[in-house]
Structure formats: structure tokens, C-alpha cells
Protein backbone atom coordinates (compact mmCIF):
# COMPACT_ATOMS: atom_id res chain seq x y z
CA MET A 1 -31.83 163.83 -2.14
CA THR A 2 -35.26 162.35 -1.62
CA THR A 3 -36.79 159.44 -3.45
CA ASP A 4 -40.41 158.79 -4.26
CA HIS A 5 -40.11 155.04 -4.58
CA ASP A 6 -39.83 152.00 -2.36
CA ASP A 7 -36.14 151.53 -1.48
CA GLU A 8 -36.91 148.08 -0.07
CA PHE A 9 -38.08 146.75 -3.45
CA VAL A 10 -35.56 144.50 -5.18
CA PRO A 11 -36.54 143.12 -8.59
CA ARG A 12 -36.15 139.39 -9.22
CA HIS A 13 -33.04 138.55 -11.18
CA GLY A 14 -30.95 135.48 -11.81
CA SER A 15 -27.66 137.18 -11.12
CA SER A 16 -26.25 140.62 -10.48
CA PRO A 17 -25.13 142.86 -13.38
CA THR A 18 -21.52 142.33 -12.33
CA ASP A 19 -21.84 138.56 -12.09
CA GLN A 20 -20.47 137.97 -15.60
CA VAL A 21 -17.55 140.34 -15.02
CA ARG A 22 -16.75 138.59 -11.77
CA HIS A 23 -16.88 135.06 -13.18
CA GLU A 24 -15.45 135.67 -16.66
CA PRO A 25 -11.80 135.54 -15.52
CA GLN A 26 -12.58 132.22 -13.86
CA LEU A 27 -13.72 130.78 -17.18
CA TYR A 28 -10.24 131.33 -18.57
CA GLY A 29 -8.47 129.67 -15.66
CA TYR A 30 -7.45 132.77 -13.72
CA ARG A 31 -8.66 132.79 -10.14
CA PRO A 32 -8.77 136.31 -8.68
CA PHE A 33 -8.46 134.98 -5.14
CA ASN A 34 -4.97 133.59 -5.84
CA ALA A 35 -2.07 135.79 -4.81
CA GLU A 36 -0.38 135.22 -8.17
CA PRO A 37 -0.37 137.74 -11.02
CA ASP A 38 -2.61 137.08 -13.99
CA PRO A 39 -0.58 134.94 -16.45
CA ARG A 40 -2.50 136.16 -19.50
CA PRO A 41 -0.59 138.64 -21.70
CA LEU A 42 -1.70 142.27 -21.73
CA PRO A 43 -3.23 143.56 -24.98
CA GLU A 44 -1.07 145.71 -27.21
CA ALA A 45 -1.49 149.44 -26.66
CA ASN A 46 -2.66 150.26 -30.21
CA ILE A 47 -5.33 147.53 -30.09
CA LEU A 48 -6.50 148.76 -26.71
CA VAL A 49 -6.72 152.39 -27.87
CA GLY A 50 -8.63 151.35 -31.00
CA SER A 51 -11.09 149.31 -28.98
CA ILE A 52 -11.71 152.11 -26.51
CA SER A 53 -12.28 154.64 -29.29
CA ASP A 54 -14.72 152.23 -31.02
CA ILE A 55 -16.66 151.84 -27.78
CA PHE A 56 -16.76 155.62 -27.29
CA ASP A 57 -17.94 156.18 -30.88
CA ALA A 58 -20.73 153.63 -30.41
CA LEU A 59 -21.78 155.35 -27.18
CA VAL A 60 -21.91 158.76 -28.89
CA VAL A 61 -24.07 157.37 -31.71
CA ALA A 62 -26.41 155.65 -29.25
CA LEU A 63 -26.86 158.80 -27.18
CA ALA A 64 -27.35 161.00 -30.25
CA ASP A 65 -30.15 158.75 -31.53
CA ALA A 66 -31.88 158.74 -28.14
CA ARG A 67 -32.12 162.52 -27.75
CA LEU A 68 -35.68 163.80 -27.84
CA GLU A 69 -36.12 167.39 -28.96
CA PRO A 70 -39.46 169.19 -28.62
CA ASP A 71 -41.26 169.81 -31.92
CA TRP A 72 -41.96 173.52 -31.52
CA THR A 73 -43.50 173.99 -34.98
CA LYS A 74 -46.04 171.18 -34.51
CA HIS A 75 -47.00 171.60 -30.84
CA ALA A 76 -46.08 175.24 -30.08
CA LYS A 77 -46.08 175.89 -26.32
CA ALA A 78 -47.12 172.30 -25.55
CA ALA A 79 -43.96 170.92 -27.21
CA PRO A 80 -41.97 170.24 -24.00
CA PHE A 81 -44.96 168.46 -22.46
CA LYS A 82 -45.39 166.31 -25.59
CA ARG A 83 -41.67 165.50 -25.35
CA ASN A 84 -42.23 164.45 -21.72
CA ASP A 85 -45.02 162.13 -22.91
CA ALA A 86 -42.64 160.56 -25.45
CA MET A 87 -39.90 160.09 -22.83
CA VAL A 88 -42.23 158.47 -20.31
CA GLU A 89 -43.66 156.14 -23.00
CA THR A 90 -40.20 154.53 -23.28
CA LEU A 91 -40.64 153.36 -19.64
CA PRO A 92 -37.22 154.39 -18.31
CA ILE A 93 -35.83 152.70 -15.19
CA GLY A 94 -36.01 156.02 -13.36
CA VAL A 95 -36.37 159.78 -13.65
CA MET A 96 -34.09 162.38 -12.10
CA HIS A 97 -36.13 165.42 -11.12
CA PHE A 98 -34.44 168.81 -10.77
CA PRO A 99 -37.23 171.25 -9.83
CA GLY A 100 -37.35 174.56 -11.62
CA THR A 101 -40.31 174.81 -13.97
CA GLY A 102 -43.63 173.13 -14.53
CA ILE A 103 -42.09 171.12 -17.36
CA GLN A 104 -39.84 169.15 -14.98
CA ASP A 105 -42.68 168.81 -12.46
CA ASN A 106 -44.93 167.50 -15.24
CA LEU A 107 -42.37 164.85 -16.18
CA ALA A 108 -42.02 163.74 -12.54
CA ASP A 109 -45.81 163.55 -12.09
CA LYS A 110 -46.27 161.48 -15.26
CA ALA A 111 -43.46 159.12 -14.23
CA LYS A 112 -45.00 158.63 -10.76
CA LYS A 113 -48.38 157.78 -12.30
CA LEU A 114 -46.73 155.01 -14.35
CA GLY A 115 -44.84 153.65 -11.34
CA ILE A 116 -41.43 154.84 -12.57
CA PRO A 117 -39.08 155.73 -9.68
CA VAL A 118 -38.45 159.48 -9.36
CA TRP A 119 -35.34 160.84 -7.63
CA LYS A 120 -35.66 164.49 -6.57
CA PHE A 121 -32.59 166.71 -6.35
CA GLY A 122 -32.36 170.29 -5.06
CA GLY A 123 -35.29 172.54 -4.42
CA ALA A 124 -37.43 172.66 -1.32
């Protein structure tokens, strides 16, 4: 795998994404560095299963709404390139490039021009 971005760049942030997960148990009095088991009761199985299924359903809905399909009737052969324009306009945090056709190469080129990191997989 090769990358076309600066690996040394680290954006400014107040805390890491896992900071809340790491400190949340401490807010409730449980210290993970103690050798004692967590005294809090485990959730009931049916509540846990319901919560997990709700999270999964929300994820499916979010991903379904985010899918961008090319509009073949409006743009004809340019449809995939117009879709690439729409995807790059959302300013994603990165683009995974799997070479194969000019459509993928076009997406990678447009992302590079906007300063979006591009990770290349496969190919020569």
C-alpha cells in the first residue's frame, strides 16, 4: 500500500477519539487500573440485544442515505465522473484508490487536487 499524503502530519485536537471511552468508566467510580472486577451490574441480555440491533439499524439507514448512484439518464457516459465530483464535494477524510479504470483514477486525481489523502491499493 502506498499513500499520497504526509504521514507526519497530525491534526490539532484536544483529545484522542478514544479519550472519552477511556475516561468514562472513571467518571462512574470504576478505575480500570485496579485489580478488582467492575462492581457495576451487567446489563440484561434482552436490553443489550435490543440496543445492539437499534445501533445496527441506525447504521444501515445512515449508509443507505449516503450512497451516491450515478444519474445515467441525465449525464449519460459522464455519470460516474459527475458522481465523483459529488463525492469529493463532501470533503471526505480520505479516499481509497483501487486502480482499474479511468473512473477510479479520476476520483483519486480530484481528491489529490483538493488536498484529500489518497491511499492506493493494488495495481502497479
